[in-house]
Amino acid sequence: MTAARGDRGGPLPFTLVTGNPDKRAEAERIVGRPLDWVALDLPELQSLDLLEVLRAKSAEAFRRLGRPVVVEDTGLELVALGGFPGPLVKWMLQAVGAAGIARTALALGEPRATARCALLWTDGKREAIGEGATHGVLVAPRGAGGFGWDPAFLPDGEQRTYGELPAADKDRLGHRGRAWRDLLRRLEPPTAG
């Protein structure tokens, strides 16, 4: 499939598929407008390949809705564990929480981690993928903002965790903000010139 671009001057339409209201709110802040969205319980392929997981989710979302969709998958790659849990972080978070993820990295003596997000737009024939990554370290959780493992992730060059950052700052330097901006560039029609 090839990258998608609008033919009529404007971004291509889509329905955001997520059951996570925090991801929806963050996406709407980044995009700058309310989004058409649907909460679907999609099966998640168990794989360490973020794009493989994303393609399986997008195919199922499109099959169920029959209209252009955007799906997201996020991973947290711990250097101490060779990139694990990656896209499987949801289950690690459920099992041990943000503090447990940070304790794991710190106990192994290597707190570095990469937060990764990938978004996939598809109309069933074409696809466009936006990706974003933010490098940082895991720390004992701080801050009440954000969600998931945000309070334990300290981006490189920052003194505040995602959980301590104001939403606008997290959107600017965070993995999800970078992925959305990348995807939106790919969905815009080419400029004449």
N, C-alpha and C. Protein backbone atom coordinates (compact mmCIF):
# COMPACT_ATOMS: atom_id res chain seq x y z
N MET A 1 0.84 -1.17 0.00
CA MET A 1 0.00 0.00 0.00
C MET A 1 0.88 1.24 0.00
N THR A 2 0.34 2.32 -0.47
CA THR A 2 1.12 3.55 -0.55
C THR A 2 0.58 4.59 0.41
N ALA A 3 1.38 5.60 0.66
CA ALA A 3 0.96 6.70 1.53
C ALA A 3 -0.26 7.38 0.90
N ALA A 4 -1.13 7.85 1.76
CA ALA A 4 -2.38 8.44 1.31
C ALA A 4 -2.30 9.96 1.33
N ARG A 5 -2.86 10.56 0.33
CA ARG A 5 -2.95 12.02 0.29
C ARG A 5 -4.33 12.38 -0.24
N GLY A 6 -4.86 13.47 0.28
CA GLY A 6 -6.18 13.92 -0.14
C GLY A 6 -6.16 14.42 -1.57
N ASP A 7 -7.25 14.24 -2.25
CA ASP A 7 -7.35 14.69 -3.63
C ASP A 7 -8.09 16.01 -3.75
N ARG A 8 -8.81 16.41 -2.71
CA ARG A 8 -9.67 17.58 -2.80
C ARG A 8 -9.23 18.73 -1.91
N GLY A 9 -7.97 18.80 -1.58
CA GLY A 9 -7.49 19.91 -0.76
C GLY A 9 -7.94 19.79 0.67
N GLY A 10 -7.25 19.13 1.48
CA GLY A 10 -7.59 18.93 2.88
C GLY A 10 -7.20 17.54 3.29
N PRO A 11 -7.08 17.35 4.59
CA PRO A 11 -6.66 16.03 5.05
C PRO A 11 -7.73 14.98 4.75
N LEU A 12 -7.29 13.77 4.61
CA LEU A 12 -8.23 12.68 4.38
C LEU A 12 -9.06 12.44 5.63
N PRO A 13 -10.30 12.05 5.46
CA PRO A 13 -11.16 11.79 6.62
C PRO A 13 -10.79 10.48 7.30
N PHE A 14 -11.16 10.39 8.58
CA PHE A 14 -10.93 9.14 9.30
C PHE A 14 -11.75 9.12 10.58
N THR A 15 -11.91 7.92 11.09
CA THR A 15 -12.48 7.70 12.41
C THR A 15 -11.37 7.14 13.28
N LEU A 16 -11.11 7.79 14.40
CA LEU A 16 -10.11 7.29 15.34
C LEU A 16 -10.73 6.13 16.10
N VAL A 17 -10.04 5.01 16.13
CA VAL A 17 -10.53 3.83 16.84
C VAL A 17 -9.67 3.65 18.08
N THR A 18 -10.27 3.93 19.23
CA THR A 18 -9.60 3.71 20.51
C THR A 18 -10.65 3.60 21.61
N GLY A 19 -10.39 2.73 22.54
CA GLY A 19 -11.24 2.62 23.71
C GLY A 19 -10.68 3.40 24.88
N ASN A 20 -9.54 4.07 24.67
CA ASN A 20 -8.86 4.80 25.74
C ASN A 20 -9.21 6.28 25.65
N PRO A 21 -10.02 6.80 26.58
CA PRO A 21 -10.41 8.21 26.51
C PRO A 21 -9.23 9.17 26.65
N ASP A 22 -8.17 8.75 27.35
CA ASP A 22 -6.98 9.60 27.48
C ASP A 22 -6.27 9.74 26.14
N LYS A 23 -6.17 8.64 25.38
CA LYS A 23 -5.55 8.71 24.05
C LYS A 23 -6.38 9.58 23.12
N ARG A 24 -7.69 9.47 23.23
CA ARG A 24 -8.57 10.29 22.40
C ARG A 24 -8.38 11.77 22.73
N ALA A 25 -8.38 12.11 24.02
CA ALA A 25 -8.22 13.51 24.44
C ALA A 25 -6.87 14.06 23.97
N GLU A 26 -5.82 13.27 24.11
CA GLU A 26 -4.50 13.70 23.68
C GLU A 26 -4.47 13.91 22.17
N ALA A 27 -5.07 13.00 21.41
CA ALA A 27 -5.12 13.13 19.95
C ALA A 27 -5.86 14.40 19.55
N GLU A 28 -6.98 14.69 20.21
CA GLU A 28 -7.76 15.88 19.86
C GLU A 28 -6.98 17.16 20.17
N ARG A 29 -6.22 17.15 21.26
CA ARG A 29 -5.38 18.33 21.56
C ARG A 29 -4.32 18.51 20.48
N ILE A 30 -3.68 17.43 20.09
CA ILE A 30 -2.59 17.49 19.11
C ILE A 30 -3.12 17.91 17.74
N VAL A 31 -4.23 17.31 17.33
CA VAL A 31 -4.82 17.61 16.02
C VAL A 31 -5.47 18.99 16.02
N GLY A 32 -5.94 19.42 17.18
CA GLY A 32 -6.52 20.75 17.29
C GLY A 32 -8.00 20.83 16.99
N ARG A 33 -8.68 19.68 17.05
CA ARG A 33 -10.13 19.68 16.81
C ARG A 33 -10.72 18.37 17.34
N PRO A 34 -12.03 18.37 17.57
CA PRO A 34 -12.67 17.11 17.96
C PRO A 34 -12.57 16.10 16.82
N LEU A 35 -12.39 14.85 17.17
CA LEU A 35 -12.27 13.80 16.18
C LEU A 35 -13.46 12.87 16.22
N ASP A 36 -13.86 12.40 15.04
CA ASP A 36 -14.82 11.31 14.97
C ASP A 36 -14.11 10.10 15.55
N TRP A 37 -14.74 9.41 16.49
CA TRP A 37 -14.06 8.28 17.11
C TRP A 37 -15.06 7.20 17.47
N VAL A 38 -14.56 5.99 17.57
CA VAL A 38 -15.35 4.83 17.96
C VAL A 38 -14.50 3.99 18.90
N ALA A 39 -15.11 3.54 19.97
CA ALA A 39 -14.42 2.63 20.90
C ALA A 39 -14.75 1.21 20.46
N LEU A 40 -13.75 0.50 19.96
CA LEU A 40 -13.90 -0.90 19.58
C LEU A 40 -12.92 -1.72 20.40
N ASP A 41 -13.35 -2.87 20.83
CA ASP A 41 -12.45 -3.79 21.50
C ASP A 41 -11.81 -4.65 20.42
N LEU A 42 -10.61 -4.25 20.01
CA LEU A 42 -9.91 -4.95 18.94
C LEU A 42 -8.96 -5.98 19.51
N PRO A 43 -8.87 -7.15 18.90
CA PRO A 43 -7.86 -8.11 19.36
C PRO A 43 -6.47 -7.54 19.06
N GLU A 44 -5.54 -7.77 19.98
CA GLU A 44 -4.18 -7.29 19.80
C GLU A 44 -3.25 -8.47 19.56
N LEU A 45 -2.66 -8.46 18.38
CA LEU A 45 -1.67 -9.46 18.04
C LEU A 45 -0.53 -9.40 19.05
N GLN A 46 -0.10 -10.53 19.54
CA GLN A 46 1.01 -10.57 20.50
C GLN A 46 2.32 -10.65 19.73
N SER A 47 2.94 -9.49 19.58
CA SER A 47 4.17 -9.40 18.80
C SER A 47 5.00 -8.25 19.35
N LEU A 48 6.30 -8.36 19.21
CA LEU A 48 7.19 -7.26 19.58
C LEU A 48 7.39 -6.28 18.43
N ASP A 49 6.79 -6.57 17.27
CA ASP A 49 6.87 -5.71 16.10
C ASP A 49 5.67 -4.76 16.11
N LEU A 50 5.91 -3.50 16.46
CA LEU A 50 4.85 -2.51 16.61
C LEU A 50 4.02 -2.36 15.33
N LEU A 51 4.66 -2.36 14.17
CA LEU A 51 3.92 -2.19 12.92
C LEU A 51 3.09 -3.41 12.56
N GLU A 52 3.55 -4.59 12.93
CA GLU A 52 2.76 -5.81 12.71
C GLU A 52 1.48 -5.76 13.54
N VAL A 53 1.61 -5.33 14.79
CA VAL A 53 0.44 -5.19 15.68
C VAL A 53 -0.52 -4.16 15.09
N LEU A 54 0.03 -3.04 14.65
CA LEU A 54 -0.77 -1.93 14.11
C LEU A 54 -1.53 -2.35 12.86
N ARG A 55 -0.87 -3.06 11.95
CA ARG A 55 -1.54 -3.49 10.71
C ARG A 55 -2.68 -4.47 11.00
N ALA A 56 -2.50 -5.35 11.95
CA ALA A 56 -3.57 -6.28 12.31
C ALA A 56 -4.76 -5.52 12.90
N LYS A 57 -4.48 -4.56 13.76
CA LYS A 57 -5.55 -3.76 14.36
C LYS A 57 -6.30 -2.95 13.31
N SER A 58 -5.55 -2.33 12.39
CA SER A 58 -6.20 -1.48 11.38
C SER A 58 -7.08 -2.31 10.44
N ALA A 59 -6.61 -3.49 10.07
CA ALA A 59 -7.40 -4.35 9.18
C ALA A 59 -8.71 -4.75 9.84
N GLU A 60 -8.65 -5.08 11.13
CA GLU A 60 -9.88 -5.47 11.85
C GLU A 60 -10.80 -4.28 12.04
N ALA A 61 -10.25 -3.11 12.37
CA ALA A 61 -11.07 -1.92 12.56
C ALA A 61 -11.77 -1.55 11.25
N PHE A 62 -11.04 -1.58 10.14
CA PHE A 62 -11.65 -1.27 8.85
C PHE A 62 -12.71 -2.31 8.49
N ARG A 63 -12.43 -3.58 8.75
CA ARG A 63 -13.40 -4.64 8.45
C ARG A 63 -14.71 -4.39 9.20
N ARG A 64 -14.61 -3.98 10.46
CA ARG A 64 -15.82 -3.77 11.26
C ARG A 64 -16.57 -2.50 10.89
N LEU A 65 -15.84 -1.43 10.57
CA LEU A 65 -16.49 -0.14 10.34
C LEU A 65 -16.75 0.16 8.87
N GLY A 66 -15.92 -0.37 7.98
CA GLY A 66 -16.12 -0.13 6.55
C GLY A 66 -15.90 1.30 6.12
N ARG A 67 -15.09 2.04 6.85
CA ARG A 67 -14.76 3.43 6.48
C ARG A 67 -13.32 3.71 6.92
N PRO A 68 -12.71 4.79 6.43
CA PRO A 68 -11.33 5.09 6.80
C PRO A 68 -11.16 5.21 8.31
N VAL A 69 -10.09 4.59 8.80
CA VAL A 69 -9.83 4.57 10.24
C VAL A 69 -8.38 4.94 10.52
N VAL A 70 -8.15 5.38 11.75
CA VAL A 70 -6.80 5.53 12.30
C VAL A 70 -6.77 4.71 13.58
N VAL A 71 -5.76 3.85 13.68
CA VAL A 71 -5.53 3.09 14.91
C VAL A 71 -4.13 3.43 15.42
N GLU A 72 -3.93 3.22 16.69
CA GLU A 72 -2.66 3.53 17.34
C GLU A 72 -2.14 2.33 18.09
N ASP A 73 -0.84 2.23 18.16
CA ASP A 73 -0.22 1.33 19.11
C ASP A 73 1.00 2.02 19.67
N THR A 74 1.24 1.77 20.94
CA THR A 74 2.33 2.42 21.66
C THR A 74 3.18 1.36 22.33
N GLY A 75 4.46 1.63 22.41
CA GLY A 75 5.36 0.72 23.09
C GLY A 75 6.33 1.47 23.97
N LEU A 76 6.83 0.77 24.97
CA LEU A 76 7.88 1.30 25.84
C LEU A 76 9.01 0.28 25.81
N GLU A 77 10.13 0.70 25.24
CA GLU A 77 11.26 -0.21 25.04
C GLU A 77 12.32 0.06 26.11
N LEU A 78 12.52 -0.89 27.00
CA LEU A 78 13.52 -0.76 28.04
C LEU A 78 14.86 -1.27 27.51
N VAL A 79 15.88 -0.43 27.58
CA VAL A 79 17.21 -0.82 27.12
C VAL A 79 17.69 -2.03 27.92
N ALA A 80 17.41 -2.05 29.23
CA ALA A 80 17.87 -3.15 30.09
C ALA A 80 17.30 -4.50 29.67
N LEU A 81 16.19 -4.49 28.96
CA LEU A 81 15.54 -5.74 28.54
C LEU A 81 15.58 -5.91 27.02
N GLY A 82 16.53 -5.25 26.37
CA GLY A 82 16.68 -5.41 24.93
C GLY A 82 15.49 -4.94 24.12
N GLY A 83 14.75 -3.95 24.63
CA GLY A 83 13.59 -3.42 23.93
C GLY A 83 12.25 -3.94 24.44
N PHE A 84 12.28 -4.95 25.27
CA PHE A 84 11.05 -5.48 25.87
C PHE A 84 10.58 -4.49 26.93
N PRO A 85 9.31 -4.28 27.17
CA PRO A 85 8.16 -4.98 26.62
C PRO A 85 7.66 -4.44 25.28
N GLY A 86 8.17 -3.28 24.83
CA GLY A 86 7.72 -2.76 23.54
C GLY A 86 6.20 -2.65 23.50
N PRO A 87 5.55 -3.17 22.44
CA PRO A 87 4.10 -3.08 22.31
C PRO A 87 3.34 -3.90 23.36
N LEU A 88 4.05 -4.72 24.12
CA LEU A 88 3.39 -5.53 25.16
C LEU A 88 3.35 -4.79 26.50
N VAL A 89 3.69 -3.51 26.50
CA VAL A 89 3.76 -2.75 27.75
C VAL A 89 2.42 -2.69 28.48
N LYS A 90 1.33 -2.76 27.76
CA LYS A 90 0.00 -2.71 28.38
C LYS A 90 -0.13 -3.80 29.46
N TRP A 91 0.37 -4.99 29.14
CA TRP A 91 0.24 -6.10 30.09
C TRP A 91 1.22 -5.97 31.24
N MET A 92 2.40 -5.46 30.97
CA MET A 92 3.35 -5.23 32.05
C MET A 92 2.81 -4.14 32.99
N LEU A 93 2.22 -3.11 32.42
CA LEU A 93 1.63 -2.03 33.21
C LEU A 93 0.49 -2.57 34.08
N GLN A 94 -0.35 -3.42 33.52
CA GLN A 94 -1.45 -4.01 34.30
C GLN A 94 -0.91 -4.88 35.43
N ALA A 95 0.20 -5.56 35.18
CA ALA A 95 0.75 -6.49 36.18
C ALA A 95 1.50 -5.79 37.30
N VAL A 96 2.33 -4.79 36.97
CA VAL A 96 3.20 -4.20 38.00
C VAL A 96 3.07 -2.69 38.12
N GLY A 97 2.32 -2.04 37.24
CA GLY A 97 2.14 -0.60 37.31
C GLY A 97 3.37 0.15 36.85
N ALA A 98 3.24 1.47 36.77
CA ALA A 98 4.34 2.33 36.33
C ALA A 98 5.54 2.20 37.27
N ALA A 99 5.27 2.12 38.58
CA ALA A 99 6.36 2.00 39.55
C ALA A 99 7.12 0.69 39.35
N GLY A 100 6.42 -0.38 39.05
CA GLY A 100 7.06 -1.68 38.83
C GLY A 100 7.91 -1.70 37.57
N ILE A 101 7.44 -1.01 36.52
CA ILE A 101 8.23 -0.93 35.29
C ILE A 101 9.53 -0.18 35.58
N ALA A 102 9.42 0.95 36.28
CA ALA A 102 10.62 1.73 36.62
C ALA A 102 11.54 0.93 37.54
N ARG A 103 10.98 0.25 38.54
CA ARG A 103 11.81 -0.56 39.45
C ARG A 103 12.59 -1.64 38.70
N THR A 104 11.94 -2.24 37.69
CA THR A 104 12.60 -3.28 36.89
C THR A 104 13.85 -2.72 36.22
N ALA A 105 13.69 -1.59 35.54
CA ALA A 105 14.83 -0.99 34.84
C ALA A 105 15.91 -0.56 35.82
N LEU A 106 15.51 0.06 36.90
CA LEU A 106 16.49 0.53 37.88
C LEU A 106 17.21 -0.63 38.55
N ALA A 107 16.48 -1.72 38.83
CA ALA A 107 17.11 -2.89 39.46
C ALA A 107 18.13 -3.54 38.53
N LEU A 108 17.91 -3.43 37.23
CA LEU A 108 18.83 -3.99 36.26
C LEU A 108 19.99 -3.03 35.95
N GLY A 109 19.96 -1.85 36.57
CA GLY A 109 21.06 -0.90 36.43
C GLY A 109 21.07 -0.13 35.13
N GLU A 110 19.96 -0.14 34.38
CA GLU A 110 19.90 0.57 33.10
C GLU A 110 18.52 1.21 32.95
N PRO A 111 18.39 2.50 33.32
CA PRO A 111 17.08 3.15 33.28
C PRO A 111 16.64 3.68 31.92
N ARG A 112 17.53 3.64 30.90
CA ARG A 112 17.16 4.22 29.61
C ARG A 112 16.00 3.45 28.96
N ALA A 113 15.15 4.22 28.29
CA ALA A 113 13.99 3.64 27.61
C ALA A 113 13.60 4.53 26.44
N THR A 114 12.87 3.96 25.50
CA THR A 114 12.32 4.72 24.38
C THR A 114 10.81 4.52 24.36
N ALA A 115 10.09 5.63 24.36
CA ALA A 115 8.64 5.61 24.21
C ALA A 115 8.36 5.73 22.71
N ARG A 116 7.57 4.82 22.17
CA ARG A 116 7.32 4.78 20.74
C ARG A 116 5.81 4.75 20.48
N CYS A 117 5.38 5.47 19.45
CA CYS A 117 3.98 5.45 19.03
C CYS A 117 3.94 5.33 17.51
N ALA A 118 3.02 4.54 17.02
CA ALA A 118 2.77 4.45 15.59
C ALA A 118 1.27 4.54 15.35
N LEU A 119 0.90 5.27 14.33
CA LEU A 119 -0.50 5.44 13.93
C LEU A 119 -0.63 4.97 12.49
N LEU A 120 -1.74 4.35 12.18
CA LEU A 120 -1.96 3.88 10.82
C LEU A 120 -3.34 4.31 10.36
N TRP A 121 -3.38 5.05 9.25
CA TRP A 121 -4.62 5.40 8.56
C TRP A 121 -4.78 4.43 7.41
N THR A 122 -6.00 3.94 7.23
CA THR A 122 -6.29 3.12 6.05
C THR A 122 -7.72 3.34 5.59
N ASP A 123 -7.89 3.24 4.28
CA ASP A 123 -9.23 3.24 3.70
C ASP A 123 -9.54 1.86 3.12
N GLY A 124 -8.76 0.86 3.54
CA GLY A 124 -8.94 -0.50 3.07
C GLY A 124 -8.08 -0.84 1.85
N LYS A 125 -7.61 0.20 1.14
CA LYS A 125 -6.76 -0.02 -0.03
C LYS A 125 -5.39 0.63 0.17
N ARG A 126 -5.41 1.83 0.71
CA ARG A 126 -4.18 2.58 0.93
C ARG A 126 -3.92 2.69 2.43
N GLU A 127 -2.67 3.00 2.77
CA GLU A 127 -2.36 3.23 4.17
C GLU A 127 -1.33 4.35 4.28
N ALA A 128 -1.34 5.01 5.42
CA ALA A 128 -0.32 5.99 5.77
C ALA A 128 0.04 5.73 7.22
N ILE A 129 1.33 5.74 7.50
CA ILE A 129 1.81 5.47 8.86
C ILE A 129 2.57 6.67 9.37
N GLY A 130 2.26 7.06 10.59
CA GLY A 130 2.99 8.10 11.29
C GLY A 130 3.67 7.49 12.49
N GLU A 131 4.94 7.86 12.70
CA GLU A 131 5.69 7.29 13.82
C GLU A 131 6.35 8.40 14.62
N GLY A 132 6.46 8.15 15.92
CA GLY A 132 7.16 9.08 16.79
C GLY A 132 7.84 8.33 17.91
N ALA A 133 8.99 8.85 18.34
CA ALA A 133 9.73 8.23 19.44
C ALA A 133 10.32 9.33 20.31
N THR A 134 10.37 9.06 21.60
CA THR A 134 11.01 9.95 22.56
C THR A 134 11.90 9.10 23.45
N HIS A 135 13.15 9.49 23.55
CA HIS A 135 14.11 8.79 24.40
C HIS A 135 14.10 9.42 25.78
N GLY A 136 14.36 8.60 26.79
CA GLY A 136 14.40 9.11 28.15
C GLY A 136 14.88 8.05 29.11
N VAL A 137 14.56 8.26 30.37
CA VAL A 137 14.89 7.30 31.42
C VAL A 137 13.67 7.04 32.28
N LEU A 138 13.68 5.89 32.92
CA LEU A 138 12.61 5.56 33.86
C LEU A 138 13.05 5.96 35.26
N VAL A 139 12.11 6.55 36.00
CA VAL A 139 12.36 7.04 37.35
C VAL A 139 11.20 6.63 38.24
N ALA A 140 11.38 6.75 39.56
CA ALA A 140 10.25 6.54 40.46
C ALA A 140 9.14 7.51 40.04
N PRO A 141 7.90 7.05 39.95
CA PRO A 141 6.82 7.88 39.43
C PRO A 141 6.68 9.22 40.16
N ARG A 142 6.47 10.26 39.35
CA ARG A 142 6.25 11.61 39.85
C ARG A 142 5.18 12.27 38.99
N GLY A 143 4.28 12.98 39.63
CA GLY A 143 3.27 13.75 38.91
C GLY A 143 1.97 12.99 38.76
N ALA A 144 0.90 13.78 38.69
CA ALA A 144 -0.45 13.20 38.59
C ALA A 144 -1.04 13.34 37.19
N GLY A 145 -0.28 13.93 36.27
CA GLY A 145 -0.80 14.12 34.92
C GLY A 145 -0.57 12.90 34.06
N GLY A 146 -1.09 12.98 32.84
CA GLY A 146 -0.90 11.90 31.89
C GLY A 146 -1.66 10.66 32.29
N PHE A 147 -1.18 9.51 31.81
CA PHE A 147 -1.84 8.24 32.11
C PHE A 147 -0.85 7.12 31.86
N GLY A 148 -1.21 5.93 32.26
CA GLY A 148 -0.34 4.77 32.05
C GLY A 148 0.97 4.93 32.77
N TRP A 149 2.06 4.79 32.03
CA TRP A 149 3.39 4.88 32.63
C TRP A 149 3.97 6.29 32.58
N ASP A 150 3.17 7.29 32.21
CA ASP A 150 3.65 8.68 32.09
C ASP A 150 4.41 9.18 33.33
N PRO A 151 3.93 8.91 34.56
CA PRO A 151 4.65 9.45 35.72
C PRO A 151 6.06 8.87 35.92
N ALA A 152 6.37 7.75 35.26
CA ALA A 152 7.68 7.11 35.43
C ALA A 152 8.63 7.39 34.27
N PHE A 153 8.20 8.14 33.26
CA PHE A 153 9.03 8.39 32.08
C PHE A 153 9.53 9.82 32.07
N LEU A 154 10.84 9.99 32.13
CA LEU A 154 11.49 11.30 32.11
C LEU A 154 12.18 11.47 30.76
N PRO A 155 11.62 12.32 29.88
CA PRO A 155 12.22 12.51 28.55
C PRO A 155 13.61 13.13 28.65
N ASP A 156 14.48 12.75 27.73
CA ASP A 156 15.81 13.35 27.66
C ASP A 156 15.70 14.87 27.60
N GLY A 157 16.56 15.55 28.36
CA GLY A 157 16.58 17.00 28.34
C GLY A 157 15.54 17.66 29.21
N GLU A 158 14.73 16.88 29.90
CA GLU A 158 13.66 17.41 30.75
C GLU A 158 13.98 17.13 32.21
N GLN A 159 13.44 17.97 33.07
CA GLN A 159 13.52 17.74 34.52
C GLN A 159 12.21 17.18 35.06
N ARG A 160 11.19 17.17 34.19
CA ARG A 160 9.85 16.72 34.60
C ARG A 160 9.46 15.47 33.83
N THR A 161 8.79 14.55 34.52
CA THR A 161 8.26 13.35 33.85
C THR A 161 7.07 13.75 32.99
N TYR A 162 6.65 12.82 32.13
CA TYR A 162 5.42 13.06 31.37
C TYR A 162 4.28 13.39 32.35
N GLY A 163 4.26 12.74 33.50
CA GLY A 163 3.20 12.96 34.48
C GLY A 163 3.25 14.33 35.13
N GLU A 164 4.40 15.01 35.06
CA GLU A 164 4.54 16.35 35.63
C GLU A 164 4.41 17.45 34.58
N LEU A 165 4.55 17.11 33.32
CA LEU A 165 4.52 18.11 32.26
C LEU A 165 3.11 18.61 32.01
N PRO A 166 2.97 19.92 31.73
CA PRO A 166 1.68 20.39 31.23
C PRO A 166 1.36 19.68 29.92
N ALA A 167 0.08 19.50 29.63
CA ALA A 167 -0.34 18.76 28.44
C ALA A 167 0.31 19.30 27.16
N ALA A 168 0.38 20.61 27.00
CA ALA A 168 0.95 21.18 25.78
C ALA A 168 2.42 20.79 25.62
N ASP A 169 3.17 20.75 26.72
CA ASP A 169 4.58 20.37 26.64
C ASP A 169 4.72 18.89 26.30
N LYS A 170 3.89 18.04 26.92
CA LYS A 170 3.94 16.61 26.60
C LYS A 170 3.58 16.39 25.13
N ASP A 171 2.56 17.08 24.65
CA ASP A 171 2.15 16.94 23.25
C ASP A 171 3.28 17.35 22.30
N ARG A 172 4.04 18.37 22.66
CA ARG A 172 5.11 18.89 21.81
C ARG A 172 6.29 17.92 21.71
N LEU A 173 6.70 17.35 22.84
CA LEU A 173 7.91 16.52 22.81
C LEU A 173 7.65 15.03 22.95
N GLY A 174 6.42 14.65 23.16
CA GLY A 174 6.09 13.25 23.38
C GLY A 174 5.99 12.41 22.11
N HIS A 175 6.09 11.12 22.29
CA HIS A 175 6.04 10.16 21.19
C HIS A 175 4.72 10.21 20.44
N ARG A 176 3.60 10.38 21.15
CA ARG A 176 2.30 10.41 20.49
C ARG A 176 2.15 11.69 19.66
N GLY A 177 2.57 12.82 20.20
CA GLY A 177 2.51 14.07 19.45
C GLY A 177 3.34 13.99 18.18
N ARG A 178 4.52 13.42 18.28
CA ARG A 178 5.39 13.28 17.11
C ARG A 178 4.75 12.36 16.07
N ALA A 179 4.11 11.29 16.52
CA ALA A 179 3.46 10.35 15.59
C ALA A 179 2.27 11.02 14.89
N TRP A 180 1.46 11.76 15.64
CA TRP A 180 0.32 12.45 15.02
C TRP A 180 0.77 13.48 14.01
N ARG A 181 1.79 14.27 14.34
CA ARG A 181 2.27 15.27 13.38
C ARG A 181 2.81 14.60 12.12
N ASP A 182 3.51 13.48 12.29
CA ASP A 182 4.03 12.74 11.14
C ASP A 182 2.88 12.22 10.28
N LEU A 183 1.87 11.63 10.91
CA LEU A 183 0.73 11.10 10.14
C LEU A 183 -0.01 12.22 9.43
N LEU A 184 -0.28 13.32 10.11
CA LEU A 184 -1.03 14.41 9.48
C LEU A 184 -0.30 14.98 8.28
N ARG A 185 1.03 15.05 8.34
CA ARG A 185 1.81 15.49 7.17
C ARG A 185 1.58 14.54 6.00
N ARG A 186 1.50 13.26 6.30
CA ARG A 186 1.32 12.27 5.23
C ARG A 186 -0.10 12.26 4.66
N LEU A 187 -1.06 12.76 5.42
CA LEU A 187 -2.45 12.79 4.97
C LEU A 187 -2.81 14.08 4.24
N GLU A 188 -1.97 15.09 4.33
CA GLU A 188 -2.23 16.36 3.66
C GLU A 188 -1.98 16.21 2.17
N PRO A 189 -2.73 16.93 1.37
CA PRO A 189 -2.46 16.89 -0.07
C PRO A 189 -1.12 17.55 -0.37
N PRO A 190 -0.46 17.13 -1.43
CA PRO A 190 0.82 17.76 -1.78
C PRO A 190 0.58 19.22 -2.16
N THR A 191 1.54 20.06 -1.84
CA THR A 191 1.41 21.48 -2.20
C THR A 191 1.96 21.70 -3.60
N ALA A 192 1.32 22.62 -4.30
CA ALA A 192 1.79 22.94 -5.65
C ALA A 192 3.08 23.75 -5.54
N GLY A 193 3.96 23.56 -6.44
CA GLY A 193 5.16 24.37 -6.39
C GLY A 193 6.26 23.73 -6.98
